[in-house]
Structures are given as C-alpha cells and as structure tokens.
Amino acid sequence: MKNDYIYYGNGKIRINYSEDILGFDIRLKGTYDIESHQSENFYISYNNDRLIGVGLGSVLGGKPFLNYTGHLEVLECKIITSDMKSVNIIPKIVRLDKFEAIRDDFDGSNTNFEDMNNVGIVGEIPRVTKVKIVTENLYTKGGQFNLNGTEYKGYYHLHQDGVAMTGKSHNESSEVLDRISKEKTTKRINNTLREIRRTSTSADISSGTGGGY
C-alpha cells in the first residue's frame, strides 16, 4: 500500500501497515537511547541492534511503540501479519525541522549544518547505546506465576530479558514472579519467531549488524 512504511527520525518509531501485525524484526544502526512506549501486550526483545517483537494476544497498532534519542537509523524491517505472512517494510525517515535539530544538537565542534538533514539524530548522542524496553499492562488469571510460593493472579509486566514482575508497569514496589507455566506464551512467540527465521536469509542481513538470535 502507498503508506506502508516503518517511520522514524523524529524520536519515535512506528509501523504503518494495512493489515494487523503479529510480530516484527527490525535492524538498527547507530548509537542511541531507546525505550518502549505504550507497548502493551507486545513483548519486545533487543540484542545487538536488532529488535524482535511478538504480540501476546494482541496486534501492533499504528501508533509509536518506541521512543529514542541519539543517532538511530532503521536499516530494515520485516513484519509477520496475523495470517503468518512475512512482509518486508521500507524504512521512511520523518525529518525534524533542520533549525530545530541544529538548536538541539549542534555543539559547535563536530556537527556540520549540512550533515544534520542526512541522518536521524534526535537530542544528544550517547556514548553507548542504552535500551529500556518493558511490556506493560499484562494480566494473568493464574496458572502462570507464583509470588512467594503462592499462585499469582493479577497485572504484571515483562522486561526485555523476559523477567516478569508484579504491577501494570515497573515501580519500586514491583516484585519478581516465578514462572509456573509458559506453554501458551512460548508457543505463540516460537511460532512467530519461526516464521521470522524461515523468511530470513543471509542476504537480508546488512553488513555491520548482528542478530544474536
């Protein structure tokens, strides 16, 4: 479709596609701080400039689901639709106003005016890439987790390393949950990841990026 793109460049990442999105595989480049944004019921994992997302009983909407600052470029994006069809999505940069970018980023020494319109630079570029991705507002009716030896029922959230904790979102009172059963979640994730791997070839992997999956 005409507007089927993955958009970035203004500090936000979103995917616009005409069908429901069950999963995605995004490869990035740059040095950036990136964090999840309203990624409810959508588990996102990060490793070595690669983002893999899988819906946990939901689909990805068209709103931004990641925020970032620094220097970030989207190299490629593959999505899995709800009927398990694999589709390559073209990255499209949404440029900041040039003078706004200069005001925010120019340090007087290593940034040329001409370069500011060529890459997705937002705010300050960190020394190293930092990632903070949390899947929020998940709910279990029981049978999935224990808390202090007792079956847990209620809201929880997932960190990018797969650790589940109590509460809709993370705060200082959140507690780690012990997983009892992950059969349904694992099956859903594995089916989507299997389709991503099946449709990926070495030709799809741009030089300088590593998956680690």
N, C-alpha and C. Protein backbone atom coordinates (compact mmCIF):
# COMPACT_ATOMS: atom_id res chain seq x y z
N MET A 1 0.83 -1.19 0.00
CA MET A 1 0.00 0.00 0.00
C MET A 1 0.88 1.25 0.00
N LYS A 2 0.27 2.39 -0.31
CA LYS A 2 1.01 3.63 -0.50
C LYS A 2 1.76 4.06 0.74
N ASN A 3 1.16 3.94 1.91
CA ASN A 3 1.77 4.43 3.15
C ASN A 3 2.26 3.33 4.06
N ASP A 4 2.59 2.16 3.51
CA ASP A 4 3.09 1.05 4.32
C ASP A 4 4.59 1.23 4.54
N TYR A 5 4.94 1.85 5.66
CA TYR A 5 6.34 2.13 5.99
C TYR A 5 6.57 1.90 7.47
N ILE A 6 7.85 1.79 7.85
CA ILE A 6 8.25 1.97 9.24
C ILE A 6 8.84 3.36 9.32
N TYR A 7 8.24 4.20 10.15
CA TYR A 7 8.62 5.60 10.24
C TYR A 7 9.56 5.82 11.44
N TYR A 8 10.58 6.65 11.24
CA TYR A 8 11.49 7.05 12.32
C TYR A 8 12.09 8.40 11.95
N GLY A 9 12.92 8.95 12.84
CA GLY A 9 13.62 10.18 12.53
C GLY A 9 13.24 11.34 13.42
N ASN A 10 12.10 11.23 14.11
CA ASN A 10 11.64 12.31 14.98
C ASN A 10 11.63 11.89 16.45
N GLY A 11 12.41 10.86 16.75
CA GLY A 11 12.46 10.38 18.13
C GLY A 11 11.45 9.31 18.45
N LYS A 12 10.67 8.90 17.44
CA LYS A 12 9.66 7.86 17.63
C LYS A 12 9.74 6.86 16.48
N ILE A 13 9.36 5.62 16.78
CA ILE A 13 9.30 4.57 15.75
C ILE A 13 7.90 4.00 15.72
N ARG A 14 7.34 3.93 14.55
CA ARG A 14 6.03 3.31 14.38
C ARG A 14 5.97 2.62 13.03
N ILE A 15 5.08 1.63 12.91
CA ILE A 15 4.89 0.90 11.66
C ILE A 15 3.47 1.11 11.19
N ASN A 16 3.34 1.52 9.97
CA ASN A 16 2.02 1.68 9.35
C ASN A 16 1.84 0.59 8.30
N TYR A 17 0.85 -0.26 8.49
CA TYR A 17 0.59 -1.32 7.53
C TYR A 17 -0.91 -1.58 7.47
N SER A 18 -1.37 -2.02 6.32
CA SER A 18 -2.80 -2.15 6.08
C SER A 18 -3.42 -3.37 6.75
N GLU A 19 -2.60 -4.30 7.26
CA GLU A 19 -3.10 -5.48 7.95
C GLU A 19 -2.58 -5.50 9.38
N ASP A 20 -3.20 -6.33 10.23
CA ASP A 20 -2.75 -6.48 11.61
C ASP A 20 -1.35 -7.06 11.66
N ILE A 21 -0.53 -6.56 12.58
CA ILE A 21 0.85 -7.02 12.73
C ILE A 21 0.97 -7.85 13.99
N LEU A 22 1.39 -9.11 13.83
CA LEU A 22 1.56 -10.01 14.96
C LEU A 22 2.99 -9.99 15.49
N GLY A 23 3.95 -9.70 14.62
CA GLY A 23 5.35 -9.69 15.04
C GLY A 23 6.19 -8.85 14.11
N PHE A 24 7.41 -8.52 14.55
CA PHE A 24 8.31 -7.76 13.69
C PHE A 24 9.76 -8.11 13.99
N ASP A 25 10.61 -7.82 13.03
CA ASP A 25 12.06 -8.00 13.14
C ASP A 25 12.69 -6.74 12.54
N ILE A 26 13.28 -5.90 13.39
CA ILE A 26 13.82 -4.61 12.95
C ILE A 26 15.31 -4.58 13.23
N ARG A 27 16.07 -4.12 12.23
CA ARG A 27 17.52 -3.97 12.39
C ARG A 27 17.88 -2.49 12.35
N LEU A 28 18.69 -2.10 13.34
CA LEU A 28 19.03 -0.70 13.53
C LEU A 28 20.52 -0.44 13.34
N LYS A 29 20.87 0.83 13.30
CA LYS A 29 22.26 1.24 13.24
C LYS A 29 22.38 2.56 13.98
N GLY A 30 23.48 2.72 14.72
CA GLY A 30 23.71 3.99 15.39
C GLY A 30 24.07 3.83 16.85
N THR A 31 24.06 4.96 17.56
CA THR A 31 24.29 4.99 19.00
C THR A 31 23.16 5.80 19.60
N TYR A 32 22.37 5.19 20.47
CA TYR A 32 21.10 5.78 20.85
C TYR A 32 20.64 5.28 22.22
N ASP A 33 19.72 6.02 22.81
CA ASP A 33 18.94 5.56 23.96
C ASP A 33 17.55 5.23 23.42
N ILE A 34 17.07 4.02 23.67
CA ILE A 34 15.77 3.62 23.14
C ILE A 34 14.95 2.98 24.25
N GLU A 35 13.67 3.28 24.28
CA GLU A 35 12.79 2.70 25.29
C GLU A 35 11.41 2.45 24.69
N SER A 36 10.71 1.48 25.29
CA SER A 36 9.37 1.15 24.82
C SER A 36 8.40 2.26 25.17
N HIS A 37 7.35 2.37 24.37
CA HIS A 37 6.34 3.40 24.57
C HIS A 37 4.97 2.80 24.30
N GLN A 38 4.20 2.60 25.36
CA GLN A 38 2.85 2.05 25.24
C GLN A 38 2.84 0.72 24.49
N SER A 39 3.82 -0.12 24.78
CA SER A 39 3.90 -1.43 24.12
C SER A 39 3.15 -2.47 24.93
N GLU A 40 1.87 -2.23 25.16
CA GLU A 40 1.07 -3.13 25.98
C GLU A 40 0.78 -4.43 25.23
N ASN A 41 0.95 -5.55 25.95
CA ASN A 41 0.68 -6.88 25.39
C ASN A 41 1.49 -7.16 24.13
N PHE A 42 2.66 -6.53 24.02
CA PHE A 42 3.55 -6.80 22.89
C PHE A 42 4.96 -6.92 23.43
N TYR A 43 5.46 -8.16 23.44
CA TYR A 43 6.79 -8.42 24.00
C TYR A 43 7.86 -8.06 23.00
N ILE A 44 8.82 -7.22 23.42
CA ILE A 44 9.90 -6.77 22.55
C ILE A 44 11.23 -7.17 23.16
N SER A 45 12.06 -7.82 22.36
CA SER A 45 13.39 -8.23 22.79
C SER A 45 14.44 -7.51 21.95
N TYR A 46 15.55 -7.14 22.60
CA TYR A 46 16.63 -6.40 21.90
C TYR A 46 17.94 -7.14 22.05
N ASN A 47 18.72 -7.18 20.95
CA ASN A 47 20.06 -7.77 21.01
C ASN A 47 20.86 -7.26 19.83
N ASN A 48 21.94 -6.52 20.12
CA ASN A 48 22.92 -6.15 19.09
C ASN A 48 22.27 -5.45 17.91
N ASP A 49 21.57 -4.34 18.17
CA ASP A 49 20.92 -3.53 17.14
C ASP A 49 19.78 -4.25 16.43
N ARG A 50 19.22 -5.24 17.06
CA ARG A 50 18.10 -5.96 16.46
C ARG A 50 16.95 -6.03 17.45
N LEU A 51 15.76 -5.68 16.99
CA LEU A 51 14.55 -5.72 17.80
C LEU A 51 13.60 -6.77 17.24
N ILE A 52 13.14 -7.67 18.10
CA ILE A 52 12.13 -8.64 17.69
C ILE A 52 10.93 -8.47 18.63
N GLY A 53 9.76 -8.30 18.03
CA GLY A 53 8.55 -8.10 18.81
C GLY A 53 7.51 -9.15 18.48
N VAL A 54 6.78 -9.59 19.50
CA VAL A 54 5.75 -10.61 19.32
C VAL A 54 4.53 -10.22 20.16
N GLY A 55 3.36 -10.24 19.54
CA GLY A 55 2.13 -9.92 20.24
C GLY A 55 1.75 -11.02 21.21
N LEU A 56 1.38 -10.64 22.42
CA LEU A 56 0.91 -11.59 23.43
C LEU A 56 -0.60 -11.47 23.52
N GLY A 57 -1.27 -12.03 22.54
CA GLY A 57 -2.71 -11.94 22.48
C GLY A 57 -3.20 -10.62 21.91
N SER A 58 -2.31 -9.87 21.27
CA SER A 58 -2.69 -8.58 20.69
C SER A 58 -1.90 -8.37 19.40
N VAL A 59 -2.26 -7.31 18.68
CA VAL A 59 -1.53 -6.92 17.47
C VAL A 59 -0.95 -5.54 17.68
N LEU A 60 0.04 -5.21 16.87
CA LEU A 60 0.70 -3.92 16.97
C LEU A 60 -0.11 -2.87 16.22
N GLY A 61 -0.45 -1.79 16.91
CA GLY A 61 -1.20 -0.71 16.27
C GLY A 61 -0.29 0.22 15.49
N GLY A 62 -0.87 1.26 14.92
CA GLY A 62 -0.11 2.19 14.10
C GLY A 62 0.53 3.32 14.85
N LYS A 63 0.34 3.37 16.19
CA LYS A 63 0.93 4.44 16.98
C LYS A 63 2.39 4.13 17.30
N PRO A 64 3.18 5.15 17.66
CA PRO A 64 4.58 4.90 18.05
C PRO A 64 4.67 3.93 19.21
N PHE A 65 5.60 2.97 19.12
CA PHE A 65 5.78 1.99 20.19
C PHE A 65 7.19 2.02 20.76
N LEU A 66 8.07 2.85 20.17
CA LEU A 66 9.42 3.03 20.69
C LEU A 66 9.78 4.51 20.62
N ASN A 67 10.42 5.02 21.67
CA ASN A 67 10.98 6.37 21.67
C ASN A 67 12.51 6.27 21.72
N TYR A 68 13.18 7.25 21.14
CA TYR A 68 14.64 7.22 21.19
C TYR A 68 15.21 8.62 21.11
N THR A 69 16.45 8.74 21.56
CA THR A 69 17.27 9.92 21.32
C THR A 69 18.62 9.44 20.83
N GLY A 70 19.39 10.34 20.23
CA GLY A 70 20.69 9.97 19.71
C GLY A 70 20.67 9.79 18.20
N HIS A 71 21.59 9.00 17.71
CA HIS A 71 21.71 8.75 16.27
C HIS A 71 21.19 7.35 15.98
N LEU A 72 20.07 7.25 15.31
CA LEU A 72 19.45 5.97 15.01
C LEU A 72 18.98 5.93 13.56
N GLU A 73 19.30 4.84 12.90
CA GLU A 73 18.80 4.59 11.55
C GLU A 73 18.15 3.20 11.51
N VAL A 74 17.02 3.08 10.87
CA VAL A 74 16.38 1.78 10.65
C VAL A 74 16.90 1.24 9.33
N LEU A 75 17.60 0.12 9.38
CA LEU A 75 18.17 -0.47 8.17
C LEU A 75 17.15 -1.30 7.41
N GLU A 76 16.37 -2.09 8.14
CA GLU A 76 15.36 -2.91 7.50
C GLU A 76 14.33 -3.37 8.52
N CYS A 77 13.18 -3.78 8.01
CA CYS A 77 12.09 -4.20 8.88
C CYS A 77 11.28 -5.29 8.18
N LYS A 78 11.05 -6.36 8.90
CA LYS A 78 10.20 -7.44 8.43
C LYS A 78 9.06 -7.61 9.42
N ILE A 79 7.84 -7.72 8.93
CA ILE A 79 6.71 -7.94 9.82
C ILE A 79 6.06 -9.28 9.53
N ILE A 80 5.36 -9.80 10.54
CA ILE A 80 4.55 -11.00 10.39
C ILE A 80 3.11 -10.60 10.65
N THR A 81 2.25 -10.82 9.66
CA THR A 81 0.85 -10.45 9.81
C THR A 81 0.10 -11.52 10.59
N SER A 82 -1.15 -11.24 10.93
CA SER A 82 -1.93 -12.16 11.75
C SER A 82 -2.20 -13.48 11.04
N ASP A 83 -2.07 -13.52 9.70
CA ASP A 83 -2.21 -14.79 8.98
C ASP A 83 -0.85 -15.41 8.68
N MET A 84 0.18 -14.98 9.46
CA MET A 84 1.55 -15.51 9.39
C MET A 84 2.22 -15.26 8.04
N LYS A 85 1.86 -14.18 7.40
CA LYS A 85 2.52 -13.78 6.15
C LYS A 85 3.68 -12.84 6.48
N SER A 86 4.82 -13.08 5.85
CA SER A 86 6.00 -12.25 6.07
C SER A 86 6.06 -11.14 5.02
N VAL A 87 6.28 -9.91 5.48
CA VAL A 87 6.31 -8.76 4.58
C VAL A 87 7.50 -7.87 4.94
N ASN A 88 8.28 -7.47 3.95
CA ASN A 88 9.34 -6.50 4.16
C ASN A 88 8.76 -5.09 4.08
N ILE A 89 9.08 -4.26 5.08
CA ILE A 89 8.57 -2.90 5.15
C ILE A 89 9.71 -1.92 4.92
N ILE A 90 9.49 -0.92 4.11
CA ILE A 90 10.51 0.06 3.77
C ILE A 90 10.65 1.10 4.87
N PRO A 91 11.86 1.37 5.35
CA PRO A 91 12.05 2.46 6.33
C PRO A 91 11.84 3.82 5.67
N LYS A 92 11.21 4.73 6.40
CA LYS A 92 10.98 6.08 5.90
C LYS A 92 11.27 7.07 7.03
N ILE A 93 12.17 8.00 6.78
CA ILE A 93 12.57 8.94 7.82
C ILE A 93 11.62 10.12 7.85
N VAL A 94 11.22 10.47 9.06
CA VAL A 94 10.42 11.67 9.28
C VAL A 94 11.37 12.72 9.83
N ARG A 95 11.70 13.71 9.05
CA ARG A 95 12.75 14.65 9.40
C ARG A 95 12.24 15.74 10.34
N LEU A 96 13.08 16.02 11.34
CA LEU A 96 12.83 17.19 12.17
C LEU A 96 13.09 18.45 11.35
N ASP A 97 12.47 19.53 11.76
CA ASP A 97 12.84 20.81 11.18
C ASP A 97 14.34 21.02 11.37
N LYS A 98 15.05 21.39 10.29
CA LYS A 98 16.51 21.47 10.35
C LYS A 98 16.99 22.42 11.43
N PHE A 99 16.36 23.57 11.58
CA PHE A 99 16.82 24.55 12.56
C PHE A 99 16.55 24.06 13.98
N GLU A 100 15.47 23.30 14.18
CA GLU A 100 15.22 22.71 15.49
C GLU A 100 16.28 21.70 15.83
N ALA A 101 16.66 20.87 14.83
CA ALA A 101 17.71 19.87 15.05
C ALA A 101 19.05 20.54 15.37
N ILE A 102 19.37 21.62 14.66
CA ILE A 102 20.61 22.34 14.92
C ILE A 102 20.62 22.90 16.34
N ARG A 103 19.50 23.48 16.75
CA ARG A 103 19.42 24.07 18.09
C ARG A 103 19.62 23.00 19.16
N ASP A 104 19.04 21.81 18.94
CA ASP A 104 19.11 20.75 19.94
C ASP A 104 20.45 20.04 19.95
N ASP A 105 21.10 19.92 18.79
CA ASP A 105 22.24 19.01 18.67
C ASP A 105 23.58 19.67 18.40
N PHE A 106 23.62 20.88 17.89
CA PHE A 106 24.88 21.47 17.49
C PHE A 106 25.72 21.79 18.71
N ASP A 107 26.95 21.29 18.73
CA ASP A 107 27.82 21.54 19.88
C ASP A 107 28.98 22.46 19.53
N GLY A 108 28.99 22.97 18.30
CA GLY A 108 29.99 23.95 17.92
C GLY A 108 31.32 23.36 17.52
N SER A 109 31.45 22.03 17.54
CA SER A 109 32.76 21.45 17.22
C SER A 109 32.71 20.35 16.19
N ASN A 110 31.74 19.42 16.31
CA ASN A 110 31.79 18.25 15.44
C ASN A 110 30.50 18.02 14.67
N THR A 111 29.62 19.00 14.59
CA THR A 111 28.39 18.83 13.85
C THR A 111 28.31 19.87 12.75
N ASN A 112 28.25 19.42 11.51
CA ASN A 112 28.13 20.34 10.39
C ASN A 112 26.67 20.58 10.07
N PHE A 113 26.34 21.80 9.71
CA PHE A 113 24.97 22.13 9.35
C PHE A 113 24.47 21.24 8.23
N GLU A 114 25.35 20.94 7.25
CA GLU A 114 24.95 20.15 6.09
C GLU A 114 24.61 18.72 6.46
N ASP A 115 25.20 18.23 7.55
CA ASP A 115 25.01 16.83 7.92
C ASP A 115 23.72 16.58 8.68
N MET A 116 23.13 17.64 9.24
CA MET A 116 22.01 17.45 10.14
C MET A 116 20.77 16.90 9.45
N ASN A 117 20.67 17.06 8.16
CA ASN A 117 19.48 16.61 7.44
C ASN A 117 19.66 15.23 6.83
N ASN A 118 20.78 14.57 7.12
CA ASN A 118 21.09 13.31 6.44
C ASN A 118 20.79 12.09 7.29
N VAL A 119 20.73 12.22 8.61
CA VAL A 119 20.53 11.06 9.47
C VAL A 119 19.51 11.38 10.55
N GLY A 120 19.02 10.34 11.21
CA GLY A 120 18.00 10.53 12.24
C GLY A 120 18.60 10.85 13.59
N ILE A 121 19.11 12.05 13.76
CA ILE A 121 19.69 12.47 15.03
C ILE A 121 18.65 13.25 15.82
N VAL A 122 18.43 12.82 17.04
CA VAL A 122 17.48 13.49 17.92
C VAL A 122 18.13 13.70 19.27
N GLY A 123 18.21 14.94 19.74
CA GLY A 123 18.82 15.20 21.03
C GLY A 123 20.30 14.89 21.03
N GLU A 124 20.82 14.55 22.20
CA GLU A 124 22.25 14.25 22.34
C GLU A 124 22.53 12.80 21.97
N ILE A 125 23.69 12.58 21.37
CA ILE A 125 24.11 11.21 21.04
C ILE A 125 24.86 10.64 22.25
N PRO A 126 24.38 9.53 22.83
CA PRO A 126 25.05 8.96 24.00
C PRO A 126 26.38 8.30 23.60
N ARG A 127 27.22 8.07 24.58
CA ARG A 127 28.49 7.40 24.30
C ARG A 127 28.29 5.95 23.91
N VAL A 128 27.31 5.31 24.53
CA VAL A 128 27.00 3.91 24.21
C VAL A 128 25.49 3.78 24.10
N THR A 129 25.04 2.78 23.36
CA THR A 129 23.61 2.52 23.21
C THR A 129 23.03 2.00 24.53
N LYS A 130 21.87 2.54 24.90
CA LYS A 130 21.17 2.10 26.11
C LYS A 130 19.75 1.70 25.73
N VAL A 131 19.28 0.62 26.33
CA VAL A 131 17.97 0.08 25.97
C VAL A 131 17.13 -0.13 27.23
N LYS A 132 15.88 0.33 27.17
CA LYS A 132 14.93 0.12 28.27
C LYS A 132 13.59 -0.24 27.67
N ILE A 133 13.32 -1.52 27.62
CA ILE A 133 12.09 -1.99 26.98
C ILE A 133 11.30 -2.83 27.98
N VAL A 134 10.07 -2.41 28.24
CA VAL A 134 9.19 -3.10 29.17
C VAL A 134 7.82 -3.27 28.52
N THR A 135 7.29 -4.49 28.55
CA THR A 135 5.93 -4.75 28.07
C THR A 135 4.98 -4.62 29.25
N GLU A 136 4.07 -3.67 29.16
CA GLU A 136 3.24 -3.33 30.31
C GLU A 136 1.79 -3.81 30.16
N ASN A 137 1.08 -3.71 31.28
CA ASN A 137 -0.36 -3.94 31.33
C ASN A 137 -0.78 -5.35 30.93
N LEU A 138 0.03 -6.34 31.33
CA LEU A 138 -0.33 -7.73 31.10
C LEU A 138 -1.14 -8.24 32.29
N TYR A 139 -1.95 -9.28 32.06
CA TYR A 139 -2.80 -9.80 33.12
C TYR A 139 -2.81 -11.32 33.07
N THR A 140 -2.71 -11.94 34.23
CA THR A 140 -2.80 -13.39 34.32
C THR A 140 -3.96 -13.77 35.24
N LYS A 141 -4.73 -14.75 34.81
CA LYS A 141 -5.82 -15.28 35.62
C LYS A 141 -5.35 -16.38 36.55
N GLY A 142 -4.06 -16.68 36.46
CA GLY A 142 -3.49 -17.73 37.30
C GLY A 142 -2.91 -18.84 36.44
N GLY A 143 -2.10 -19.69 37.09
CA GLY A 143 -1.51 -20.81 36.39
C GLY A 143 -0.22 -20.49 35.67
N GLN A 144 0.23 -19.22 35.71
CA GLN A 144 1.46 -18.82 35.02
C GLN A 144 2.61 -18.53 35.98
N PHE A 145 2.29 -17.88 37.13
CA PHE A 145 3.34 -17.42 38.02
C PHE A 145 3.01 -17.72 39.49
N ASN A 146 4.08 -17.81 40.26
CA ASN A 146 3.98 -17.83 41.72
C ASN A 146 4.64 -16.58 42.27
N LEU A 147 4.10 -16.07 43.38
CA LEU A 147 4.72 -14.97 44.11
C LEU A 147 4.90 -15.41 45.55
N ASN A 148 6.15 -15.57 45.95
CA ASN A 148 6.48 -16.03 47.31
C ASN A 148 5.80 -17.36 47.61
N GLY A 149 5.80 -18.26 46.62
CA GLY A 149 5.27 -19.60 46.81
C GLY A 149 3.78 -19.74 46.63
N THR A 150 3.08 -18.63 46.34
CA THR A 150 1.63 -18.65 46.16
C THR A 150 1.28 -18.27 44.73
N GLU A 151 0.28 -18.96 44.14
CA GLU A 151 -0.13 -18.65 42.78
C GLU A 151 -0.52 -17.18 42.65
N TYR A 152 -0.01 -16.54 41.61
CA TYR A 152 -0.27 -15.12 41.43
C TYR A 152 -1.34 -14.89 40.38
N LYS A 153 -2.30 -14.03 40.70
CA LYS A 153 -3.33 -13.58 39.78
C LYS A 153 -3.33 -12.06 39.79
N GLY A 154 -3.30 -11.47 38.61
CA GLY A 154 -3.33 -10.01 38.56
C GLY A 154 -2.45 -9.46 37.45
N TYR A 155 -2.22 -8.17 37.51
CA TYR A 155 -1.43 -7.49 36.48
C TYR A 155 0.06 -7.73 36.69
N TYR A 156 0.78 -7.76 35.56
CA TYR A 156 2.23 -7.89 35.61
C TYR A 156 2.83 -7.22 34.38
N HIS A 157 4.15 -7.10 34.37
CA HIS A 157 4.86 -6.54 33.22
C HIS A 157 6.10 -7.39 32.95
N LEU A 158 6.59 -7.31 31.71
CA LEU A 158 7.75 -8.10 31.28
C LEU A 158 8.90 -7.18 30.88
N HIS A 159 10.08 -7.49 31.39
CA HIS A 159 11.27 -6.77 30.97
C HIS A 159 11.88 -7.44 29.73
N GLN A 160 12.80 -6.72 29.08
CA GLN A 160 13.34 -7.20 27.81
C GLN A 160 14.10 -8.52 27.94
N ASP A 161 14.54 -8.85 29.16
CA ASP A 161 15.24 -10.11 29.38
C ASP A 161 14.27 -11.24 29.73
N GLY A 162 12.94 -10.95 29.68
CA GLY A 162 11.95 -11.98 29.93
C GLY A 162 11.51 -12.10 31.39
N VAL A 163 12.10 -11.31 32.28
CA VAL A 163 11.73 -11.35 33.69
C VAL A 163 10.35 -10.72 33.88
N ALA A 164 9.45 -11.43 34.54
CA ALA A 164 8.10 -10.93 34.83
C ALA A 164 8.07 -10.38 36.25
N MET A 165 7.38 -9.23 36.42
CA MET A 165 7.27 -8.61 37.74
C MET A 165 5.84 -8.13 37.95
N THR A 166 5.47 -7.98 39.21
CA THR A 166 4.11 -7.56 39.55
C THR A 166 3.85 -6.12 39.13
N GLY A 167 2.57 -5.83 38.87
CA GLY A 167 2.17 -4.47 38.55
C GLY A 167 2.05 -4.23 37.05
N LYS A 168 1.16 -3.29 36.67
CA LYS A 168 0.98 -2.95 35.26
C LYS A 168 2.26 -2.40 34.65
N SER A 169 2.98 -1.59 35.42
CA SER A 169 4.24 -1.01 34.98
C SER A 169 5.25 -1.09 36.11
N HIS A 170 6.51 -0.84 35.80
CA HIS A 170 7.56 -1.02 36.80
C HIS A 170 7.61 0.15 37.77
N ASN A 171 7.74 -0.18 39.06
CA ASN A 171 7.97 0.82 40.09
C ASN A 171 8.76 0.16 41.22
N GLU A 172 9.06 0.93 42.25
CA GLU A 172 9.94 0.42 43.31
C GLU A 172 9.32 -0.70 44.13
N SER A 173 8.01 -0.88 44.04
CA SER A 173 7.36 -1.96 44.79
C SER A 173 7.15 -3.23 43.96
N SER A 174 7.56 -3.22 42.71
CA SER A 174 7.41 -4.40 41.85
C SER A 174 8.23 -5.57 42.39
N GLU A 175 7.66 -6.78 42.31
CA GLU A 175 8.34 -7.98 42.78
C GLU A 175 8.47 -8.98 41.64
N VAL A 176 9.55 -9.74 41.66
CA VAL A 176 9.81 -10.74 40.63
C VAL A 176 8.86 -11.92 40.79
N LEU A 177 8.30 -12.37 39.69
CA LEU A 177 7.40 -13.52 39.68
C LEU A 177 8.14 -14.76 39.20
N ASP A 178 7.85 -15.89 39.83
CA ASP A 178 8.40 -17.18 39.41
C ASP A 178 7.43 -17.81 38.42
N ARG A 179 7.95 -18.17 37.26
CA ARG A 179 7.09 -18.69 36.21
C ARG A 179 6.74 -20.15 36.46
N ILE A 180 5.44 -20.47 36.43
CA ILE A 180 4.96 -21.84 36.57
C ILE A 180 4.86 -22.50 35.21
N SER A 181 4.09 -21.87 34.35
CA SER A 181 3.85 -22.42 33.03
C SER A 181 3.97 -21.32 32.00
N LYS A 182 4.70 -21.60 30.94
CA LYS A 182 4.85 -20.63 29.87
C LYS A 182 4.52 -21.26 28.52
N GLU A 183 3.73 -22.33 28.56
CA GLU A 183 3.45 -23.09 27.35
C GLU A 183 2.77 -22.24 26.28
N LYS A 184 1.69 -21.54 26.65
CA LYS A 184 0.95 -20.77 25.65
C LYS A 184 1.77 -19.61 25.12
N THR A 185 2.41 -18.88 26.05
CA THR A 185 3.22 -17.75 25.63
C THR A 185 4.39 -18.20 24.77
N THR A 186 5.06 -19.28 25.19
CA THR A 186 6.20 -19.79 24.44
C THR A 186 5.78 -20.25 23.05
N LYS A 187 4.64 -20.93 22.96
CA LYS A 187 4.17 -21.42 21.66
C LYS A 187 3.90 -20.25 20.72
N ARG A 188 3.25 -19.20 21.23
CA ARG A 188 2.93 -18.03 20.40
C ARG A 188 4.20 -17.34 19.93
N ILE A 189 5.15 -17.15 20.84
CA ILE A 189 6.41 -16.50 20.48
C ILE A 189 7.19 -17.35 19.49
N ASN A 190 7.29 -18.66 19.77
CA ASN A 190 8.07 -19.53 18.90
C ASN A 190 7.49 -19.61 17.50
N ASN A 191 6.16 -19.64 17.38
CA ASN A 191 5.55 -19.69 16.05
C ASN A 191 5.91 -18.45 15.24
N THR A 192 5.87 -17.29 15.88
CA THR A 192 6.21 -16.05 15.19
C THR A 192 7.70 -15.99 14.86
N LEU A 193 8.54 -16.36 15.83
CA LEU A 193 9.98 -16.35 15.58
C LEU A 193 10.36 -17.35 14.50
N ARG A 194 9.68 -18.48 14.47
CA ARG A 194 9.95 -19.48 13.44
C ARG A 194 9.69 -18.92 12.05
N GLU A 195 8.61 -18.15 11.93
CA GLU A 195 8.29 -17.54 10.64
C GLU A 195 9.30 -16.46 10.27
N ILE A 196 9.76 -15.70 11.27
CA ILE A 196 10.79 -14.69 11.02
C ILE A 196 12.07 -15.35 10.53
N ARG A 197 12.49 -16.42 11.22
CA ARG A 197 13.72 -17.10 10.81
C ARG A 197 13.57 -17.77 9.45
N ARG A 198 12.39 -18.34 9.18
CA ARG A 198 12.17 -19.04 7.92
C ARG A 198 12.29 -18.10 6.73
N THR A 199 11.85 -16.87 6.91
CA THR A 199 11.85 -15.93 5.79
C THR A 199 13.11 -15.07 5.75
N SER A 200 14.01 -15.26 6.73
CA SER A 200 15.26 -14.50 6.75
C SER A 200 16.36 -15.31 6.09
N THR A 201 17.16 -14.66 5.30
CA THR A 201 18.33 -15.29 4.68
C THR A 201 19.54 -14.42 4.96
N SER A 202 20.71 -14.96 4.68
CA SER A 202 21.92 -14.19 4.91
C SER A 202 21.95 -12.93 4.07
N ALA A 203 21.24 -12.95 2.95
CA ALA A 203 21.19 -11.77 2.09
C ALA A 203 20.40 -10.64 2.72
N ASP A 204 19.53 -10.99 3.68
CA ASP A 204 18.71 -9.97 4.33
C ASP A 204 19.49 -9.19 5.36
N ILE A 205 20.61 -9.74 5.82
CA ILE A 205 21.33 -9.16 6.93
C ILE A 205 22.36 -8.16 6.41
N SER A 206 22.17 -6.90 6.75
CA SER A 206 23.08 -5.87 6.30
C SER A 206 24.40 -6.00 7.02
N SER A 207 25.48 -5.61 6.36
CA SER A 207 26.78 -5.68 6.97
C SER A 207 26.86 -4.75 8.16
N GLY A 208 27.56 -5.21 9.20
CA GLY A 208 27.71 -4.39 10.39
C GLY A 208 26.62 -4.57 11.41
N THR A 209 25.61 -5.41 11.14
CA THR A 209 24.58 -5.66 12.14
C THR A 209 24.59 -7.13 12.48
N GLY A 210 24.35 -7.41 13.74
CA GLY A 210 24.31 -8.81 14.18
C GLY A 210 23.03 -9.10 14.89
N GLY A 211 22.49 -10.29 14.67
CA GLY A 211 21.22 -10.61 15.30
C GLY A 211 21.39 -11.14 16.70
N GLY A 212 22.19 -12.18 16.84
CA GLY A 212 22.35 -12.78 18.14
C GLY A 212 21.21 -13.68 18.53
N TYR A 213 20.29 -13.95 17.58
CA TYR A 213 19.16 -14.81 17.88
C TYR A 213 19.32 -16.14 17.17
